[in-house]
Amino acid sequence: MSMQAWLANIWRRGTRRAGGWRPVDPARRDQARVRHHVSDPVRTTPSGYPRWVRACGWAAIGAALPTILWRAVVGLGLDLGTPAHWRQTEQIPGSGTSYVLTLSGLQLAAALLTLVLIRPYGDRLPRGVTMPGPRLPLKFVVGCSGAGIATLSFLCIASATHWSNVDPFRGVQPTYWSWICWACYAVAPLWPMLLIATTFGYARSRRREATESVAHSTS
């Protein structure tokens, strides 16, 4: 029996009045799918967030990367044109190497926390391989993000105010290496600014999801 004949036989038996099953009304089936999609907390994920929220999140991570890479490369032994007296003062190579690499690692970890706001299931606790855990409370996520924004803003302002203590090329003739270094640090203030936009979009999207879920559950 061909596949078409088999499906036709199943359809005929389903449309019989006596016994058997009847075809499901397509309108009711679609309504059931919509209700399931909204009410199911697992399927309601940040993947449905506006594109600009995800774009701001990835841009925030990208704004943090230049200074991370600059510090890490210098810490790994490449001088990148930095003056010898500065490397000697910072004890690179030496004890300053571990400090620079640790700072770069912490900054990278902080930047990757932005994925909580933009990745599917990013704001859920781990439970299993195929089933995510419960969702983190909105106030907790926004509060942690706000604390990070405040810390980053303070560090950026402090670095700009005391730039002479941060600039490895202070007191020397500018070179293309110094311009690259300054460009890396000039991008860093965009990190907290973009994180503000990402957090705002994340919070607004979650509130909208909660409102829609309540509306469909009561309808």
C-alpha atoms as a PDB file:
ATOM      1  CA  MET A   1       0.000   0.000   0.000  1.00  0.00           C
ATOM      2  CA  SER A   2       1.356   3.403  -0.990  1.00  0.00           C
ATOM      3  CA  MET A   3       1.762   6.220   1.489  1.00  0.00           C
ATOM      4  CA  GLN A   4      -1.038   8.241  -0.116  1.00  0.00           C
ATOM      5  CA  ALA A   5      -3.470   5.320   0.035  1.00  0.00           C
ATOM      6  CA  TRP A   6      -2.549   4.658   3.662  1.00  0.00           C
ATOM      7  CA  LEU A   7      -3.148   8.304   4.634  1.00  0.00           C
ATOM      8  CA  ALA A   8      -6.465   8.356   2.729  1.00  0.00           C
ATOM      9  CA  ASN A   9      -7.602   5.233   4.576  1.00  0.00           C
ATOM     10  CA  ILE A  10      -6.726   6.797   7.914  1.00  0.00           C
ATOM     11  CA  TRP A  11      -8.641   9.948   6.978  1.00  0.00           C
ATOM     12  CA  ARG A  12     -11.759   8.061   5.953  1.00  0.00           C
ATOM     13  CA  ARG A  13     -11.836   6.083   9.174  1.00  0.00           C
ATOM     14  CA  GLY A  14     -11.372   9.288  11.150  1.00  0.00           C
ATOM     15  CA  THR A  15     -14.348  10.970   9.529  1.00  0.00           C
ATOM     16  CA  ARG A  16     -16.762   8.162  10.278  1.00  0.00           C
ATOM     17  CA  ARG A  17     -19.643   9.065  12.547  1.00  0.00           C
ATOM     18  CA  ALA A  18     -19.624   5.846  14.530  1.00  0.00           C
ATOM     19  CA  GLY A  19     -16.526   5.434  16.672  1.00  0.00           C
ATOM     20  CA  GLY A  20     -12.991   6.389  15.826  1.00  0.00           C
ATOM     21  CA  TRP A  21     -11.493   9.833  15.982  1.00  0.00           C
ATOM     22  CA  ARG A  22     -12.534  12.940  14.112  1.00  0.00           C
ATOM     23  CA  PRO A  23     -10.207  15.420  12.456  1.00  0.00           C
ATOM     24  CA  VAL A  24      -9.252  18.297  14.709  1.00  0.00           C
ATOM     25  CA  ASP A  25     -10.561  21.716  13.792  1.00  0.00           C
ATOM     26  CA  PRO A  26      -7.535  23.670  12.463  1.00  0.00           C
ATOM     27  CA  ALA A  27      -8.671  26.865  14.199  1.00  0.00           C
ATOM     28  CA  ARG A  28      -8.878  25.144  17.584  1.00  0.00           C
ATOM     29  CA  ARG A  29      -5.543  23.453  16.986  1.00  0.00           C
ATOM     30  CA  ASP A  30      -3.835  26.788  16.283  1.00  0.00           C
ATOM     31  CA  GLN A  31      -5.409  28.383  19.350  1.00  0.00           C
ATOM     32  CA  ALA A  32      -4.166  25.519  21.490  1.00  0.00           C
ATOM     33  CA  ARG A  33      -0.657  25.958  20.110  1.00  0.00           C
ATOM     34  CA  VAL A  34      -0.696  29.675  20.895  1.00  0.00           C
ATOM     35  CA  ARG A  35      -1.911  29.041  24.450  1.00  0.00           C
ATOM     36  CA  HIS A  36       0.770  26.413  24.962  1.00  0.00           C
ATOM     37  CA  HIS A  37       3.495  28.666  23.591  1.00  0.00           C
ATOM     38  CA  VAL A  38       2.570  31.536  25.893  1.00  0.00           C
ATOM     39  CA  SER A  39       1.809  29.602  29.040  1.00  0.00           C
ATOM     40  CA  ASP A  40       4.773  27.242  28.821  1.00  0.00           C
ATOM     41  CA  PRO A  41       7.538  28.917  30.869  1.00  0.00           C
ATOM     42  CA  VAL A  42      10.256  26.871  29.187  1.00  0.00           C
ATOM     43  CA  ARG A  43       9.426  28.010  25.674  1.00  0.00           C
ATOM     44  CA  THR A  44       9.131  31.656  26.697  1.00  0.00           C
ATOM     45  CA  THR A  45      12.824  32.534  26.316  1.00  0.00           C
ATOM     46  CA  PRO A  46      14.954  35.575  25.508  1.00  0.00           C
ATOM     47  CA  SER A  47      15.222  34.298  21.923  1.00  0.00           C
ATOM     48  CA  GLY A  48      12.038  36.249  21.277  1.00  0.00           C
ATOM     49  CA  TYR A  49      13.604  39.553  22.351  1.00  0.00           C
ATOM     50  CA  PRO A  50      13.927  42.377  19.800  1.00  0.00           C
ATOM     51  CA  ARG A  51      16.983  42.307  17.614  1.00  0.00           C
ATOM     52  CA  TRP A  52      18.247  45.624  18.955  1.00  0.00           C
ATOM     53  CA  VAL A  53      18.496  44.151  22.452  1.00  0.00           C
ATOM     54  CA  ARG A  54      20.696  41.312  21.241  1.00  0.00           C
ATOM     55  CA  ALA A  55      22.683  43.736  19.074  1.00  0.00           C
ATOM     56  CA  CYS A  56      23.374  45.983  22.065  1.00  0.00           C
ATOM     57  CA  GLY A  57      24.380  42.976  24.139  1.00  0.00           C
ATOM     58  CA  TRP A  58      26.884  41.702  21.591  1.00  0.00           C
ATOM     59  CA  ALA A  59      28.172  45.247  21.071  1.00  0.00           C
ATOM     60  CA  ALA A  60      28.713  45.581  24.836  1.00  0.00           C
ATOM     61  CA  ILE A  61      30.828  42.430  24.811  1.00  0.00           C
ATOM     62  CA  GLY A  62      32.712  43.734  21.793  1.00  0.00           C
ATOM     63  CA  ALA A  63      33.422  47.045  23.556  1.00  0.00           C
ATOM     64  CA  ALA A  64      35.052  45.162  26.432  1.00  0.00           C
ATOM     65  CA  LEU A  65      37.298  42.983  24.270  1.00  0.00           C
ATOM     66  CA  PRO A  66      39.934  45.516  23.081  1.00  0.00           C
ATOM     67  CA  THR A  67      41.268  46.337  26.557  1.00  0.00           C
ATOM     68  CA  ILE A  68      41.075  42.654  27.513  1.00  0.00           C
ATOM     69  CA  LEU A  69      43.174  41.644  24.529  1.00  0.00           C
ATOM     70  CA  TRP A  70      45.625  44.500  25.028  1.00  0.00           C
ATOM     71  CA  ARG A  71      46.319  43.647  28.664  1.00  0.00           C
ATOM     72  CA  ALA A  72      46.465  39.899  27.994  1.00  0.00           C
ATOM     73  CA  VAL A  73      48.932  40.216  25.125  1.00  0.00           C
ATOM     74  CA  VAL A  74      51.189  42.525  27.133  1.00  0.00           C
ATOM     75  CA  GLY A  75      50.953  40.178  30.094  1.00  0.00           C
ATOM     76  CA  LEU A  76      51.915  37.203  27.937  1.00  0.00           C
ATOM     77  CA  GLY A  77      55.230  38.851  27.078  1.00  0.00           C
ATOM     78  CA  LEU A  78      54.709  40.928  23.925  1.00  0.00           C
ATOM     79  CA  ASP A  79      55.679  44.525  24.655  1.00  0.00           C
ATOM     80  CA  LEU A  80      53.447  46.072  21.941  1.00  0.00           C
ATOM     81  CA  GLY A  81      55.702  49.101  21.894  1.00  0.00           C
ATOM     82  CA  THR A  82      55.335  49.867  25.594  1.00  0.00           C
ATOM     83  CA  PRO A  83      58.365  51.615  27.129  1.00  0.00           C
ATOM     84  CA  ALA A  84      60.830  49.469  29.009  1.00  0.00           C
ATOM     85  CA  HIS A  85      60.658  51.660  32.118  1.00  0.00           C
ATOM     86  CA  TRP A  86      56.855  51.170  32.272  1.00  0.00           C
ATOM     87  CA  ARG A  87      57.167  47.376  32.046  1.00  0.00           C
ATOM     88  CA  GLN A  88      59.820  47.473  34.750  1.00  0.00           C
ATOM     89  CA  THR A  89      57.598  49.576  37.000  1.00  0.00           C
ATOM     90  CA  GLU A  90      54.628  47.269  36.424  1.00  0.00           C
ATOM     91  CA  GLN A  91      56.894  44.202  36.905  1.00  0.00           C
ATOM     92  CA  ILE A  92      56.063  42.693  33.531  1.00  0.00           C
ATOM     93  CA  PRO A  93      57.351  40.032  33.204  1.00  0.00           C
ATOM     94  CA  GLY A  94      57.156  39.169  36.873  1.00  0.00           C
ATOM     95  CA  SER A  95      54.513  39.558  39.527  1.00  0.00           C
ATOM     96  CA  GLY A  96      52.678  42.072  37.376  1.00  0.00           C
ATOM     97  CA  THR A  97      52.065  39.394  34.756  1.00  0.00           C
ATOM     98  CA  SER A  98      49.725  37.396  36.981  1.00  0.00           C
ATOM     99  CA  TYR A  99      47.922  40.594  37.958  1.00  0.00           C
ATOM    100  CA  VAL A 100      47.362  41.662  34.353  1.00  0.00           C
ATOM    101  CA  LEU A 101      46.210  38.203  33.257  1.00  0.00           C
ATOM    102  CA  THR A 102      43.893  37.868  36.267  1.00  0.00           C
ATOM    103  CA  LEU A 103      42.405  41.282  35.572  1.00  0.00           C
ATOM    104  CA  SER A 104      41.853  40.354  31.918  1.00  0.00           C
ATOM    105  CA  GLY A 105      40.195  37.080  32.921  1.00  0.00           C
ATOM    106  CA  LEU A 106      37.842  38.797  35.366  1.00  0.00           C
ATOM    107  CA  GLN A 107      36.955  41.426  32.789  1.00  0.00           C
ATOM    108  CA  LEU A 108      36.219  38.737  30.208  1.00  0.00           C
ATOM    109  CA  ALA A 109      34.018  36.843  32.666  1.00  0.00           C
ATOM    110  CA  ALA A 110      32.123  40.048  33.476  1.00  0.00           C
ATOM    111  CA  ALA A 111      31.626  40.765  29.782  1.00  0.00           C
ATOM    112  CA  LEU A 112      30.322  37.268  29.092  1.00  0.00           C
ATOM    113  CA  LEU A 113      27.698  37.684  31.813  1.00  0.00           C
ATOM    114  CA  THR A 114      25.904  39.858  29.271  1.00  0.00           C
ATOM    115  CA  LEU A 115      24.879  36.596  27.588  1.00  0.00           C
ATOM    116  CA  VAL A 116      22.430  36.117  30.454  1.00  0.00           C
ATOM    117  CA  LEU A 117      20.413  38.967  28.975  1.00  0.00           C
ATOM    118  CA  ILE A 118      20.495  38.003  25.305  1.00  0.00           C
ATOM    119  CA  ARG A 119      20.895  34.235  24.948  1.00  0.00           C
ATOM    120  CA  PRO A 120      18.049  31.668  25.009  1.00  0.00           C
ATOM    121  CA  TYR A 121      17.791  30.134  28.489  1.00  0.00           C
ATOM    122  CA  GLY A 122      20.601  32.446  29.595  1.00  0.00           C
ATOM    123  CA  ASP A 123      18.620  33.604  32.613  1.00  0.00           C
ATOM    124  CA  ARG A 124      17.735  30.099  33.771  1.00  0.00           C
ATOM    125  CA  LEU A 125      19.405  27.974  36.409  1.00  0.00           C
ATOM    126  CA  PRO A 126      20.910  24.727  35.106  1.00  0.00           C
ATOM    127  CA  ARG A 127      18.805  21.619  35.617  1.00  0.00           C
ATOM    128  CA  GLY A 128      19.589  19.088  32.926  1.00  0.00           C
ATOM    129  CA  VAL A 129      20.822  18.605  29.390  1.00  0.00           C
ATOM    130  CA  THR A 130      17.436  18.847  27.698  1.00  0.00           C
ATOM    131  CA  MET A 131      15.383  20.698  30.319  1.00  0.00           C
ATOM    132  CA  PRO A 132      16.440  24.142  31.612  1.00  0.00           C
ATOM    133  CA  GLY A 133      15.933  25.067  35.215  1.00  0.00           C
ATOM    134  CA  PRO A 134      13.751  27.792  36.719  1.00  0.00           C
ATOM    135  CA  ARG A 135      14.084  31.345  35.481  1.00  0.00           C
ATOM    136  CA  LEU A 136      15.994  33.874  37.555  1.00  0.00           C
ATOM    137  CA  PRO A 137      13.798  36.612  39.061  1.00  0.00           C
ATOM    138  CA  LEU A 138      13.657  39.762  36.997  1.00  0.00           C
ATOM    139  CA  LYS A 139      14.616  41.997  39.919  1.00  0.00           C
ATOM    140  CA  PHE A 140      17.674  39.857  40.658  1.00  0.00           C
ATOM    141  CA  VAL A 141      18.926  39.958  37.060  1.00  0.00           C
ATOM    142  CA  VAL A 142      18.297  43.684  36.663  1.00  0.00           C
ATOM    143  CA  GLY A 143      19.830  44.389  40.078  1.00  0.00           C
ATOM    144  CA  CYS A 144      23.024  42.486  39.256  1.00  0.00           C
ATOM    145  CA  SER A 145      23.222  44.186  35.899  1.00  0.00           C
ATOM    146  CA  GLY A 146      22.707  47.577  37.517  1.00  0.00           C
ATOM    147  CA  ALA A 147      25.501  46.886  39.998  1.00  0.00           C
ATOM    148  CA  GLY A 148      27.778  45.950  37.122  1.00  0.00           C
ATOM    149  CA  ILE A 149      26.858  49.109  35.234  1.00  0.00           C
ATOM    150  CA  ALA A 150      27.618  51.256  38.280  1.00  0.00           C
ATOM    151  CA  THR A 151      30.983  49.543  38.804  1.00  0.00           C
ATOM    152  CA  LEU A 152      31.981  49.850  35.163  1.00  0.00           C
ATOM    153  CA  SER A 153      30.942  53.497  35.047  1.00  0.00           C
ATOM    154  CA  PHE A 154      33.029  54.243  38.146  1.00  0.00           C
ATOM    155  CA  LEU A 155      36.084  52.490  36.686  1.00  0.00           C
ATOM    156  CA  CYS A 156      35.753  54.304  33.367  1.00  0.00           C
ATOM    157  CA  ILE A 157      35.435  57.689  35.077  1.00  0.00           C
ATOM    158  CA  ALA A 158      38.346  56.939  37.392  1.00  0.00           C
ATOM    159  CA  SER A 159      40.531  55.815  34.480  1.00  0.00           C
ATOM    160  CA  ALA A 160      39.716  58.947  32.500  1.00  0.00           C
ATOM    161  CA  THR A 161      40.329  61.196  35.509  1.00  0.00           C
ATOM    162  CA  HIS A 162      43.674  59.555  36.331  1.00  0.00           C
ATOM    163  CA  TRP A 163      44.676  58.691  32.777  1.00  0.00           C
ATOM    164  CA  SER A 164      48.309  59.553  33.441  1.00  0.00           C
ATOM    165  CA  ASN A 165      48.457  56.615  35.843  1.00  0.00           C
ATOM    166  CA  VAL A 166      46.831  54.259  33.345  1.00  0.00           C
ATOM    167  CA  ASP A 167      48.537  55.273  30.120  1.00  0.00           C
ATOM    168  CA  PRO A 168      51.589  53.057  29.517  1.00  0.00           C
ATOM    169  CA  PHE A 169      52.919  55.577  26.948  1.00  0.00           C
ATOM    170  CA  ARG A 170      52.919  58.634  29.190  1.00  0.00           C
ATOM    171  CA  GLY A 171      55.945  60.850  28.726  1.00  0.00           C
ATOM    172  CA  VAL A 172      57.062  59.291  25.433  1.00  0.00           C
ATOM    173  CA  GLN A 173      56.671  60.243  21.813  1.00  0.00           C
ATOM    174  CA  PRO A 174      53.374  58.905  20.391  1.00  0.00           C
ATOM    175  CA  THR A 175      53.698  55.940  18.045  1.00  0.00           C
ATOM    176  CA  TYR A 176      51.206  53.758  16.202  1.00  0.00           C
ATOM    177  CA  TRP A 177      51.293  51.400  19.190  1.00  0.00           C
ATOM    178  CA  SER A 178      50.245  54.202  21.512  1.00  0.00           C
ATOM    179  CA  TRP A 179      47.364  55.139  19.198  1.00  0.00           C
ATOM    180  CA  ILE A 180      46.186  51.510  19.178  1.00  0.00           C
ATOM    181  CA  CYS A 181      46.350  51.419  22.977  1.00  0.00           C
ATOM    182  CA  TRP A 182      44.402  54.668  23.296  1.00  0.00           C
ATOM    183  CA  ALA A 183      41.788  53.416  20.839  1.00  0.00           C
ATOM    184  CA  CYS A 184      41.313  50.243  22.902  1.00  0.00           C
ATOM    185  CA  TYR A 185      40.705  52.270  26.041  1.00  0.00           C
ATOM    186  CA  ALA A 186      38.530  54.811  24.212  1.00  0.00           C
ATOM    187  CA  VAL A 187      36.055  52.043  23.298  1.00  0.00           C
ATOM    188  CA  ALA A 188      35.746  50.819  26.900  1.00  0.00           C
ATOM    189  CA  PRO A 189      33.224  53.497  28.069  1.00  0.00           C
ATOM    190  CA  LEU A 190      30.771  52.151  25.495  1.00  0.00           C
ATOM    191  CA  TRP A 191      30.527  48.935  27.523  1.00  0.00           C
ATOM    192  CA  PRO A 192      28.380  50.290  30.409  1.00  0.00           C
ATOM    193  CA  MET A 193      26.389  52.492  28.019  1.00  0.00           C
ATOM    194  CA  LEU A 194      25.453  49.542  25.813  1.00  0.00           C
ATOM    195  CA  LEU A 195      24.799  47.414  28.875  1.00  0.00           C
ATOM    196  CA  ILE A 196      22.240  49.990  30.054  1.00  0.00           C
ATOM    197  CA  ALA A 197      20.349  49.660  26.763  1.00  0.00           C
ATOM    198  CA  THR A 198      20.556  45.851  26.894  1.00  0.00           C
ATOM    199  CA  THR A 199      19.252  45.700  30.462  1.00  0.00           C
ATOM    200  CA  PHE A 200      16.409  48.086  29.661  1.00  0.00           C
ATOM    201  CA  GLY A 201      15.333  46.016  26.638  1.00  0.00           C
ATOM    202  CA  TYR A 202      15.620  42.776  28.604  1.00  0.00           C
ATOM    203  CA  ALA A 203      13.457  44.084  31.459  1.00  0.00           C
ATOM    204  CA  ARG A 204      10.827  45.498  29.124  1.00  0.00           C
ATOM    205  CA  SER A 205      10.627  42.262  27.131  1.00  0.00           C
ATOM    206  CA  ARG A 206      10.210  40.138  30.238  1.00  0.00           C
ATOM    207  CA  ARG A 207       7.454  42.388  31.543  1.00  0.00           C
ATOM    208  CA  ARG A 208       5.700  42.107  28.203  1.00  0.00           C
ATOM    209  CA  GLU A 209       6.008  38.314  28.298  1.00  0.00           C
ATOM    210  CA  ALA A 210       4.512  38.237  31.787  1.00  0.00           C
ATOM    211  CA  THR A 211       1.614  40.462  30.738  1.00  0.00           C
ATOM    212  CA  GLU A 212       0.862  38.344  27.679  1.00  0.00           C
ATOM    213  CA  SER A 213       1.071  35.141  29.690  1.00  0.00           C
ATOM    214  CA  VAL A 214      -1.462  36.441  32.218  1.00  0.00           C
ATOM    215  CA  ALA A 215      -3.764  37.688  29.461  1.00  0.00           C
ATOM    216  CA  HIS A 216      -3.796  34.350  27.648  1.00  0.00           C
ATOM    217  CA  SER A 217      -4.176  32.323  30.835  1.00  0.00           C
ATOM    218  CA  THR A 218      -7.312  34.277  31.764  1.00  0.00           C
ATOM    219  CA  SER A 219      -8.808  34.185  28.274  1.00  0.00           C
END
